[in-house]
Amino acid sequence: CSLVGSEMCIRDRNDFFFHIGKSIQRLYLDEIFYFACNGKKIEIHTDAGVTTFYGTMQEVVEQVDGKGFWTIHKSYIVNSSYVSIYKYDAVQMTDGTILPISQKYRKLMKSCLTELYRKEWVYCYYVILLFLWLMQYIFYCLCVFAQTVLESTGLIKK
C-alpha cells in the first residue's frame, strides 16, 4: 500500500481510500456521485449520504483520474456516470444537485463530452454494422432454405 500525502491510500483501481481518524475507509468509485471541497474537508457524496474527511482535491484527483471522474470546479469533482444534465455553466446530478462548472474547466468539459459522444457514436456504428451483417446472413439462409424447399418439391429444377 502506498500512501498519498498523509490522508489516502491507493490499492485497487475501483476503490477510493481515505483516512478518518486512525482508520482507513474504502468506498467503491461507482458508489460516489461527486466530491466537494469545503476548506480542508472533502465531502464524498453517495446514495448513502455524505462522508467527510480531511484532505485535498489534488489527493482525490490522484485516485480518480482516468476513471470517469471530471474536475468541473476547484471545489467539485463529479462522477460522469451520475451526471444527468450538462449545461454550459453547470451540471445536474442524478440526485437533483446542481453544481457549477467554473470558467477554467468549461473548455475541458466540452472536450470530455465530445470524446464521450464520439465513443458512443463509434459503438453505435459497430452495433449497426453487426446488425446489418446479421440481417444479411439471415436473408441468405432464408434464400438457401427456400431454394432447397422449392427444389425438393419439384417447383424449380437444380
N, C-alpha and C. Protein backbone atom coordinates (compact mmCIF):
# COMPACT_ATOMS: atom_id res chain seq x y z
N CYS A 1 0.85 -1.18 0.00
CA CYS A 1 0.00 0.00 0.00
C CYS A 1 0.89 1.25 0.00
N SER A 2 0.62 2.17 -0.90
CA SER A 2 1.42 3.39 -0.92
C SER A 2 0.56 4.57 -0.49
N LEU A 3 1.04 5.34 0.43
CA LEU A 3 0.30 6.49 0.92
C LEU A 3 0.45 7.67 -0.01
N VAL A 4 -0.64 8.39 -0.20
CA VAL A 4 -0.62 9.61 -0.99
C VAL A 4 -0.81 10.73 0.01
N GLY A 5 0.18 11.56 0.18
CA GLY A 5 0.11 12.57 1.22
C GLY A 5 0.04 11.85 2.56
N SER A 6 -0.78 12.33 3.48
CA SER A 6 -0.93 11.64 4.75
C SER A 6 -2.36 11.16 4.94
N GLU A 7 -3.21 11.39 3.95
CA GLU A 7 -4.63 11.13 4.15
C GLU A 7 -5.18 9.92 3.41
N MET A 8 -4.58 9.52 2.28
CA MET A 8 -5.20 8.49 1.46
C MET A 8 -4.26 7.36 1.10
N CYS A 9 -4.88 6.27 0.68
CA CYS A 9 -4.13 5.07 0.36
C CYS A 9 -4.67 4.51 -0.95
N ILE A 10 -3.77 4.08 -1.86
CA ILE A 10 -4.22 3.52 -3.13
C ILE A 10 -3.95 2.03 -3.14
N ARG A 11 -4.96 1.22 -3.42
CA ARG A 11 -4.78 -0.22 -3.54
C ARG A 11 -5.39 -0.75 -4.80
N ASP A 12 -6.65 -0.52 -4.99
CA ASP A 12 -7.38 -1.12 -6.10
C ASP A 12 -7.88 -0.01 -7.02
N ARG A 13 -7.94 -0.29 -8.30
CA ARG A 13 -8.38 0.71 -9.28
C ARG A 13 -9.80 1.18 -9.05
N ASN A 14 -10.67 0.33 -8.49
CA ASN A 14 -12.08 0.67 -8.38
C ASN A 14 -12.47 1.10 -6.97
N ASP A 15 -11.49 1.35 -6.14
CA ASP A 15 -11.74 1.76 -4.76
C ASP A 15 -11.19 3.15 -4.52
N PHE A 16 -11.81 3.83 -3.56
CA PHE A 16 -11.29 5.11 -3.09
C PHE A 16 -11.02 4.95 -1.61
N PHE A 17 -9.77 5.18 -1.21
CA PHE A 17 -9.37 5.04 0.18
C PHE A 17 -9.11 6.41 0.79
N PHE A 18 -9.49 6.56 2.06
CA PHE A 18 -9.26 7.81 2.77
C PHE A 18 -9.21 7.52 4.27
N HIS A 19 -8.62 8.45 5.01
CA HIS A 19 -8.50 8.30 6.46
C HIS A 19 -9.59 9.10 7.16
N ILE A 20 -10.16 8.47 8.17
CA ILE A 20 -10.99 9.18 9.14
C ILE A 20 -10.41 8.80 10.49
N GLY A 21 -9.80 9.78 11.13
CA GLY A 21 -9.09 9.49 12.38
C GLY A 21 -7.94 8.55 12.09
N LYS A 22 -7.89 7.45 12.84
CA LYS A 22 -6.80 6.49 12.66
C LYS A 22 -7.19 5.32 11.78
N SER A 23 -8.39 5.34 11.25
CA SER A 23 -8.84 4.22 10.40
C SER A 23 -8.83 4.60 8.93
N ILE A 24 -8.61 3.58 8.10
CA ILE A 24 -8.66 3.76 6.65
C ILE A 24 -10.03 3.29 6.19
N GLN A 25 -10.72 4.14 5.47
CA GLN A 25 -12.05 3.84 4.95
C GLN A 25 -11.94 3.56 3.45
N ARG A 26 -12.89 2.79 2.93
CA ARG A 26 -12.91 2.49 1.50
C ARG A 26 -14.33 2.65 0.96
N LEU A 27 -14.42 3.24 -0.21
CA LEU A 27 -15.67 3.30 -0.96
C LEU A 27 -15.39 2.84 -2.38
N TYR A 28 -16.35 2.17 -2.98
CA TYR A 28 -16.22 1.82 -4.39
C TYR A 28 -16.46 3.09 -5.21
N LEU A 29 -15.65 3.30 -6.23
CA LEU A 29 -15.78 4.50 -7.05
C LEU A 29 -17.16 4.63 -7.68
N ASP A 30 -17.77 3.49 -8.07
CA ASP A 30 -19.07 3.59 -8.72
C ASP A 30 -20.20 3.94 -7.75
N GLU A 31 -19.92 4.04 -6.46
CA GLU A 31 -20.91 4.48 -5.47
C GLU A 31 -20.86 5.99 -5.26
N ILE A 32 -19.79 6.61 -5.70
CA ILE A 32 -19.55 8.03 -5.42
C ILE A 32 -20.17 8.90 -6.51
N PHE A 33 -21.06 9.83 -6.10
CA PHE A 33 -21.66 10.79 -7.03
C PHE A 33 -20.66 11.90 -7.36
N TYR A 34 -20.14 12.53 -6.30
CA TYR A 34 -19.18 13.61 -6.50
C TYR A 34 -18.43 13.91 -5.20
N PHE A 35 -17.32 14.63 -5.34
CA PHE A 35 -16.53 15.12 -4.23
C PHE A 35 -16.71 16.62 -4.17
N ALA A 36 -16.84 17.16 -2.97
CA ALA A 36 -16.92 18.60 -2.78
C ALA A 36 -15.89 19.02 -1.74
N CYS A 37 -15.18 20.08 -2.03
CA CYS A 37 -14.17 20.59 -1.11
C CYS A 37 -14.75 21.74 -0.32
N ASN A 38 -14.61 21.67 1.00
CA ASN A 38 -15.09 22.73 1.88
C ASN A 38 -13.94 23.06 2.83
N GLY A 39 -13.06 23.96 2.40
CA GLY A 39 -11.86 24.26 3.17
C GLY A 39 -10.90 23.09 3.12
N LYS A 40 -10.53 22.57 4.27
CA LYS A 40 -9.62 21.41 4.33
C LYS A 40 -10.39 20.10 4.39
N LYS A 41 -11.71 20.19 4.37
CA LYS A 41 -12.53 18.99 4.41
C LYS A 41 -13.01 18.62 3.01
N ILE A 42 -13.00 17.33 2.73
CA ILE A 42 -13.53 16.81 1.47
C ILE A 42 -14.81 16.05 1.81
N GLU A 43 -15.87 16.39 1.12
CA GLU A 43 -17.13 15.68 1.28
C GLU A 43 -17.28 14.70 0.14
N ILE A 44 -17.63 13.45 0.48
CA ILE A 44 -17.89 12.43 -0.52
C ILE A 44 -19.39 12.20 -0.53
N HIS A 45 -20.04 12.53 -1.65
CA HIS A 45 -21.49 12.40 -1.76
C HIS A 45 -21.84 11.08 -2.44
N THR A 46 -22.63 10.27 -1.74
CA THR A 46 -23.07 8.97 -2.26
C THR A 46 -24.56 8.83 -2.02
N ASP A 47 -25.12 7.73 -2.49
CA ASP A 47 -26.53 7.44 -2.25
C ASP A 47 -26.81 7.28 -0.76
N ALA A 48 -25.82 6.83 -0.02
CA ALA A 48 -25.97 6.61 1.42
C ALA A 48 -25.83 7.89 2.24
N GLY A 49 -25.42 8.98 1.60
CA GLY A 49 -25.25 10.24 2.32
C GLY A 49 -23.90 10.86 2.04
N VAL A 50 -23.46 11.69 3.00
CA VAL A 50 -22.21 12.42 2.84
C VAL A 50 -21.21 11.95 3.90
N THR A 51 -20.00 11.64 3.44
CA THR A 51 -18.90 11.27 4.33
C THR A 51 -17.84 12.36 4.19
N THR A 52 -17.29 12.80 5.31
CA THR A 52 -16.31 13.88 5.30
C THR A 52 -14.98 13.40 5.86
N PHE A 53 -13.90 13.84 5.22
CA PHE A 53 -12.55 13.57 5.72
C PHE A 53 -11.67 14.76 5.41
N TYR A 54 -10.52 14.83 6.06
CA TYR A 54 -9.57 15.90 5.81
C TYR A 54 -8.62 15.49 4.69
N GLY A 55 -8.46 16.37 3.70
CA GLY A 55 -7.58 16.09 2.58
C GLY A 55 -7.63 17.24 1.59
N THR A 56 -7.07 16.98 0.41
CA THR A 56 -7.07 17.99 -0.65
C THR A 56 -7.69 17.40 -1.91
N MET A 57 -8.16 18.27 -2.78
CA MET A 57 -8.73 17.81 -4.05
C MET A 57 -7.65 17.17 -4.91
N GLN A 58 -6.41 17.62 -4.79
CA GLN A 58 -5.32 17.01 -5.56
C GLN A 58 -5.15 15.55 -5.17
N GLU A 59 -5.30 15.24 -3.89
CA GLU A 59 -5.21 13.85 -3.43
C GLU A 59 -6.36 13.02 -4.00
N VAL A 60 -7.53 13.64 -4.12
CA VAL A 60 -8.67 12.95 -4.71
C VAL A 60 -8.39 12.68 -6.19
N VAL A 61 -7.93 13.70 -6.90
CA VAL A 61 -7.62 13.58 -8.33
C VAL A 61 -6.65 12.43 -8.58
N GLU A 62 -5.65 12.29 -7.72
CA GLU A 62 -4.65 11.24 -7.90
C GLU A 62 -5.26 9.84 -7.87
N GLN A 63 -6.38 9.67 -7.16
CA GLN A 63 -7.02 8.35 -7.10
C GLN A 63 -8.09 8.15 -8.17
N VAL A 64 -8.72 9.21 -8.62
CA VAL A 64 -9.86 9.05 -9.54
C VAL A 64 -9.57 9.45 -10.97
N ASP A 65 -8.40 10.01 -11.23
CA ASP A 65 -8.05 10.46 -12.58
C ASP A 65 -8.12 9.29 -13.56
N GLY A 66 -8.81 9.51 -14.67
CA GLY A 66 -8.92 8.50 -15.71
C GLY A 66 -9.94 7.41 -15.42
N LYS A 67 -10.77 7.62 -14.41
CA LYS A 67 -11.74 6.60 -14.01
C LYS A 67 -13.18 7.11 -14.09
N GLY A 68 -13.42 8.04 -15.01
CA GLY A 68 -14.77 8.55 -15.21
C GLY A 68 -15.14 9.73 -14.34
N PHE A 69 -14.18 10.30 -13.64
CA PHE A 69 -14.43 11.48 -12.81
C PHE A 69 -13.86 12.71 -13.50
N TRP A 70 -14.61 13.80 -13.44
CA TRP A 70 -14.20 15.04 -14.09
C TRP A 70 -14.16 16.18 -13.08
N THR A 71 -13.08 16.94 -13.12
CA THR A 71 -12.99 18.15 -12.31
C THR A 71 -13.76 19.23 -13.06
N ILE A 72 -14.78 19.79 -12.41
CA ILE A 72 -15.58 20.83 -13.06
C ILE A 72 -15.40 22.19 -12.40
N HIS A 73 -14.71 22.19 -11.27
CA HIS A 73 -14.55 23.39 -10.47
C HIS A 73 -13.45 23.09 -9.46
N LYS A 74 -12.79 24.10 -8.93
CA LYS A 74 -11.75 23.82 -7.94
C LYS A 74 -12.33 23.12 -6.71
N SER A 75 -13.63 23.21 -6.52
CA SER A 75 -14.28 22.60 -5.35
C SER A 75 -15.10 21.35 -5.67
N TYR A 76 -15.18 20.95 -6.95
CA TYR A 76 -16.02 19.80 -7.30
C TYR A 76 -15.36 18.86 -8.31
N ILE A 77 -15.44 17.57 -8.00
CA ILE A 77 -15.06 16.52 -8.93
C ILE A 77 -16.26 15.59 -9.02
N VAL A 78 -16.78 15.39 -10.24
CA VAL A 78 -18.02 14.61 -10.41
C VAL A 78 -17.76 13.28 -11.09
N ASN A 79 -18.57 12.30 -10.73
CA ASN A 79 -18.56 11.01 -11.41
C ASN A 79 -19.46 11.19 -12.63
N SER A 80 -18.90 11.11 -13.82
CA SER A 80 -19.67 11.39 -15.04
C SER A 80 -20.85 10.44 -15.21
N SER A 81 -20.82 9.29 -14.58
CA SER A 81 -21.94 8.34 -14.66
C SER A 81 -23.19 8.85 -13.96
N TYR A 82 -23.02 9.79 -13.03
CA TYR A 82 -24.15 10.31 -12.26
C TYR A 82 -24.56 11.71 -12.70
N VAL A 83 -24.03 12.18 -13.81
CA VAL A 83 -24.45 13.49 -14.34
C VAL A 83 -25.61 13.25 -15.29
N SER A 84 -26.75 13.90 -15.00
CA SER A 84 -27.92 13.68 -15.85
C SER A 84 -28.09 14.79 -16.88
N ILE A 85 -27.66 16.02 -16.56
CA ILE A 85 -27.80 17.14 -17.49
C ILE A 85 -26.50 17.94 -17.50
N TYR A 86 -26.00 18.20 -18.70
CA TYR A 86 -24.82 19.04 -18.89
C TYR A 86 -25.27 20.36 -19.47
N LYS A 87 -24.85 21.45 -18.85
CA LYS A 87 -25.10 22.78 -19.39
C LYS A 87 -23.75 23.49 -19.52
N TYR A 88 -23.77 24.64 -20.13
CA TYR A 88 -22.54 25.41 -20.34
C TYR A 88 -21.84 25.73 -19.03
N ASP A 89 -22.62 26.11 -18.00
CA ASP A 89 -22.02 26.57 -16.76
C ASP A 89 -22.37 25.72 -15.54
N ALA A 90 -23.03 24.58 -15.74
CA ALA A 90 -23.41 23.75 -14.60
C ALA A 90 -23.73 22.33 -15.06
N VAL A 91 -23.71 21.41 -14.10
CA VAL A 91 -24.17 20.05 -14.34
C VAL A 91 -25.23 19.74 -13.29
N GLN A 92 -26.17 18.89 -13.67
CA GLN A 92 -27.15 18.42 -12.71
C GLN A 92 -26.90 16.94 -12.49
N MET A 93 -26.76 16.58 -11.22
CA MET A 93 -26.51 15.20 -10.87
C MET A 93 -27.84 14.43 -10.84
N THR A 94 -27.76 13.12 -10.86
CA THR A 94 -28.97 12.30 -10.88
C THR A 94 -29.79 12.47 -9.60
N ASP A 95 -29.17 12.95 -8.52
CA ASP A 95 -29.93 13.20 -7.29
C ASP A 95 -30.56 14.59 -7.27
N GLY A 96 -30.40 15.34 -8.37
CA GLY A 96 -31.00 16.67 -8.48
C GLY A 96 -30.08 17.81 -8.12
N THR A 97 -28.93 17.53 -7.53
CA THR A 97 -27.97 18.57 -7.15
C THR A 97 -27.42 19.24 -8.39
N ILE A 98 -27.37 20.57 -8.37
CA ILE A 98 -26.78 21.34 -9.47
C ILE A 98 -25.45 21.88 -8.99
N LEU A 99 -24.40 21.58 -9.76
CA LEU A 99 -23.05 22.01 -9.42
C LEU A 99 -22.50 22.90 -10.53
N PRO A 100 -21.81 23.98 -10.15
CA PRO A 100 -21.29 24.90 -11.17
C PRO A 100 -20.06 24.35 -11.88
N ILE A 101 -19.93 24.72 -13.15
CA ILE A 101 -18.70 24.47 -13.90
C ILE A 101 -17.98 25.80 -13.98
N SER A 102 -16.79 25.89 -13.43
CA SER A 102 -16.08 27.16 -13.47
C SER A 102 -15.58 27.43 -14.88
N GLN A 103 -15.34 28.70 -15.17
CA GLN A 103 -14.89 29.10 -16.50
C GLN A 103 -13.61 28.36 -16.88
N LYS A 104 -12.74 28.13 -15.90
CA LYS A 104 -11.47 27.44 -16.14
C LYS A 104 -11.68 26.04 -16.72
N TYR A 105 -12.75 25.35 -16.34
CA TYR A 105 -12.97 23.96 -16.74
C TYR A 105 -14.00 23.78 -17.86
N ARG A 106 -14.61 24.85 -18.34
CA ARG A 106 -15.65 24.72 -19.37
C ARG A 106 -15.12 24.13 -20.67
N LYS A 107 -13.96 24.59 -21.11
CA LYS A 107 -13.39 24.07 -22.36
C LYS A 107 -13.05 22.59 -22.21
N LEU A 108 -12.47 22.23 -21.06
CA LEU A 108 -12.13 20.83 -20.79
C LEU A 108 -13.40 19.97 -20.75
N MET A 109 -14.46 20.47 -20.12
CA MET A 109 -15.73 19.73 -20.07
C MET A 109 -16.27 19.51 -21.48
N LYS A 110 -16.18 20.54 -22.32
CA LYS A 110 -16.67 20.40 -23.69
C LYS A 110 -15.89 19.32 -24.43
N SER A 111 -14.58 19.28 -24.25
CA SER A 111 -13.79 18.26 -24.94
C SER A 111 -14.07 16.87 -24.36
N CYS A 112 -14.30 16.78 -23.05
CA CYS A 112 -14.65 15.49 -22.44
C CYS A 112 -15.98 14.99 -22.98
N LEU A 113 -16.95 15.88 -23.09
CA LEU A 113 -18.26 15.49 -23.63
C LEU A 113 -18.15 15.09 -25.09
N THR A 114 -17.37 15.83 -25.86
CA THR A 114 -17.17 15.50 -27.27
C THR A 114 -16.57 14.10 -27.40
N GLU A 115 -15.56 13.82 -26.59
CA GLU A 115 -14.93 12.50 -26.61
C GLU A 115 -15.91 11.40 -26.19
N LEU A 116 -16.71 11.68 -25.17
CA LEU A 116 -17.71 10.72 -24.71
C LEU A 116 -18.72 10.42 -25.81
N TYR A 117 -19.24 11.46 -26.46
CA TYR A 117 -20.21 11.26 -27.54
C TYR A 117 -19.58 10.55 -28.73
N ARG A 118 -18.32 10.88 -29.04
CA ARG A 118 -17.64 10.22 -30.14
C ARG A 118 -17.52 8.73 -29.88
N LYS A 119 -17.16 8.36 -28.66
CA LYS A 119 -17.05 6.94 -28.31
C LYS A 119 -18.41 6.25 -28.42
N GLU A 120 -19.47 6.95 -27.99
CA GLU A 120 -20.81 6.36 -28.07
C GLU A 120 -21.23 6.17 -29.52
N TRP A 121 -20.90 7.14 -30.39
CA TRP A 121 -21.26 7.02 -31.81
C TRP A 121 -20.50 5.90 -32.49
N VAL A 122 -19.22 5.76 -32.15
CA VAL A 122 -18.43 4.66 -32.72
C VAL A 122 -19.02 3.33 -32.29
N TYR A 123 -19.38 3.21 -31.03
CA TYR A 123 -20.01 1.99 -30.53
C TYR A 123 -21.31 1.72 -31.28
N CYS A 124 -22.16 2.74 -31.43
CA CYS A 124 -23.43 2.58 -32.15
C CYS A 124 -23.18 2.17 -33.61
N TYR A 125 -22.17 2.75 -34.23
CA TYR A 125 -21.83 2.41 -35.60
C TYR A 125 -21.52 0.93 -35.73
N TYR A 126 -20.70 0.40 -34.82
CA TYR A 126 -20.34 -1.01 -34.87
C TYR A 126 -21.54 -1.92 -34.56
N VAL A 127 -22.40 -1.49 -33.68
CA VAL A 127 -23.61 -2.27 -33.39
C VAL A 127 -24.49 -2.32 -34.63
N ILE A 128 -24.63 -1.20 -35.32
CA ILE A 128 -25.44 -1.17 -36.55
C ILE A 128 -24.82 -2.05 -37.62
N LEU A 129 -23.50 -1.98 -37.78
CA LEU A 129 -22.84 -2.84 -38.76
C LEU A 129 -23.05 -4.32 -38.45
N LEU A 130 -22.94 -4.68 -37.20
CA LEU A 130 -23.16 -6.06 -36.79
C LEU A 130 -24.60 -6.49 -37.08
N PHE A 131 -25.55 -5.61 -36.78
CA PHE A 131 -26.96 -5.89 -37.04
C PHE A 131 -27.20 -6.10 -38.54
N LEU A 132 -26.63 -5.23 -39.37
CA LEU A 132 -26.81 -5.35 -40.81
C LEU A 132 -26.19 -6.64 -41.35
N TRP A 133 -25.00 -6.98 -40.84
CA TRP A 133 -24.38 -8.23 -41.26
C TRP A 133 -25.24 -9.42 -40.86
N LEU A 134 -25.78 -9.38 -39.66
CA LEU A 134 -26.65 -10.46 -39.18
C LEU A 134 -27.91 -10.57 -40.04
N MET A 135 -28.51 -9.44 -40.38
CA MET A 135 -29.71 -9.45 -41.23
C MET A 135 -29.38 -10.02 -42.61
N GLN A 136 -28.23 -9.66 -43.16
CA GLN A 136 -27.81 -10.17 -44.46
C GLN A 136 -27.62 -11.68 -44.39
N TYR A 137 -27.01 -12.17 -43.33
CA TYR A 137 -26.79 -13.60 -43.15
C TYR A 137 -28.13 -14.34 -43.03
N ILE A 138 -29.05 -13.78 -42.26
CA ILE A 138 -30.38 -14.40 -42.11
C ILE A 138 -31.09 -14.44 -43.46
N PHE A 139 -31.02 -13.37 -44.23
CA PHE A 139 -31.65 -13.32 -45.55
C PHE A 139 -31.04 -14.39 -46.46
N TYR A 140 -29.71 -14.52 -46.44
CA TYR A 140 -29.02 -15.54 -47.24
C TYR A 140 -29.51 -16.94 -46.85
N CYS A 141 -29.58 -17.20 -45.55
CA CYS A 141 -30.03 -18.52 -45.06
C CYS A 141 -31.47 -18.80 -45.50
N LEU A 142 -32.32 -17.78 -45.44
CA LEU A 142 -33.72 -17.96 -45.88
C LEU A 142 -33.78 -18.26 -47.38
N CYS A 143 -32.95 -17.59 -48.15
CA CYS A 143 -32.93 -17.83 -49.60
C CYS A 143 -32.47 -19.27 -49.90
N VAL A 144 -31.43 -19.71 -49.22
CA VAL A 144 -30.94 -21.07 -49.41
C VAL A 144 -32.01 -22.08 -49.00
N PHE A 145 -32.66 -21.81 -47.88
CA PHE A 145 -33.73 -22.69 -47.41
C PHE A 145 -34.88 -22.74 -48.41
N ALA A 146 -35.29 -21.56 -48.89
CA ALA A 146 -36.40 -21.50 -49.85
C ALA A 146 -36.04 -22.24 -51.14
N GLN A 147 -34.81 -22.05 -51.62
CA GLN A 147 -34.37 -22.75 -52.83
C GLN A 147 -34.39 -24.26 -52.61
N THR A 148 -33.92 -24.71 -51.46
CA THR A 148 -33.91 -26.15 -51.14
C THR A 148 -35.33 -26.70 -51.12
N VAL A 149 -36.24 -25.98 -50.50
CA VAL A 149 -37.65 -26.42 -50.42
C VAL A 149 -38.25 -26.48 -51.82
N LEU A 150 -38.03 -25.44 -52.61
CA LEU A 150 -38.59 -25.41 -53.96
C LEU A 150 -38.01 -26.52 -54.84
N GLU A 151 -36.71 -26.79 -54.70
CA GLU A 151 -36.10 -27.87 -55.47
C GLU A 151 -36.63 -29.25 -55.03
N SER A 152 -36.83 -29.42 -53.73
CA SER A 152 -37.30 -30.72 -53.23
C SER A 152 -38.77 -30.98 -53.61
N THR A 153 -39.53 -29.93 -53.81
CA THR A 153 -40.93 -30.11 -54.20
C THR A 153 -41.07 -30.18 -55.72
N GLY A 154 -39.99 -29.91 -56.42
CA GLY A 154 -40.02 -30.01 -57.88
C GLY A 154 -40.54 -28.76 -58.56
N LEU A 155 -40.73 -27.68 -57.81
CA LEU A 155 -41.22 -26.43 -58.41
C LEU A 155 -40.15 -25.75 -59.26
N ILE A 156 -38.88 -25.97 -58.90
CA ILE A 156 -37.78 -25.47 -59.74
C ILE A 156 -36.77 -26.60 -59.91
N LYS A 157 -36.01 -26.51 -60.98
CA LYS A 157 -35.02 -27.55 -61.24
C LYS A 157 -33.64 -27.09 -60.80
N LYS A 158 -32.80 -28.07 -60.45
CA LYS A 158 -31.44 -27.78 -60.00
C LYS A 158 -30.60 -27.26 -61.09
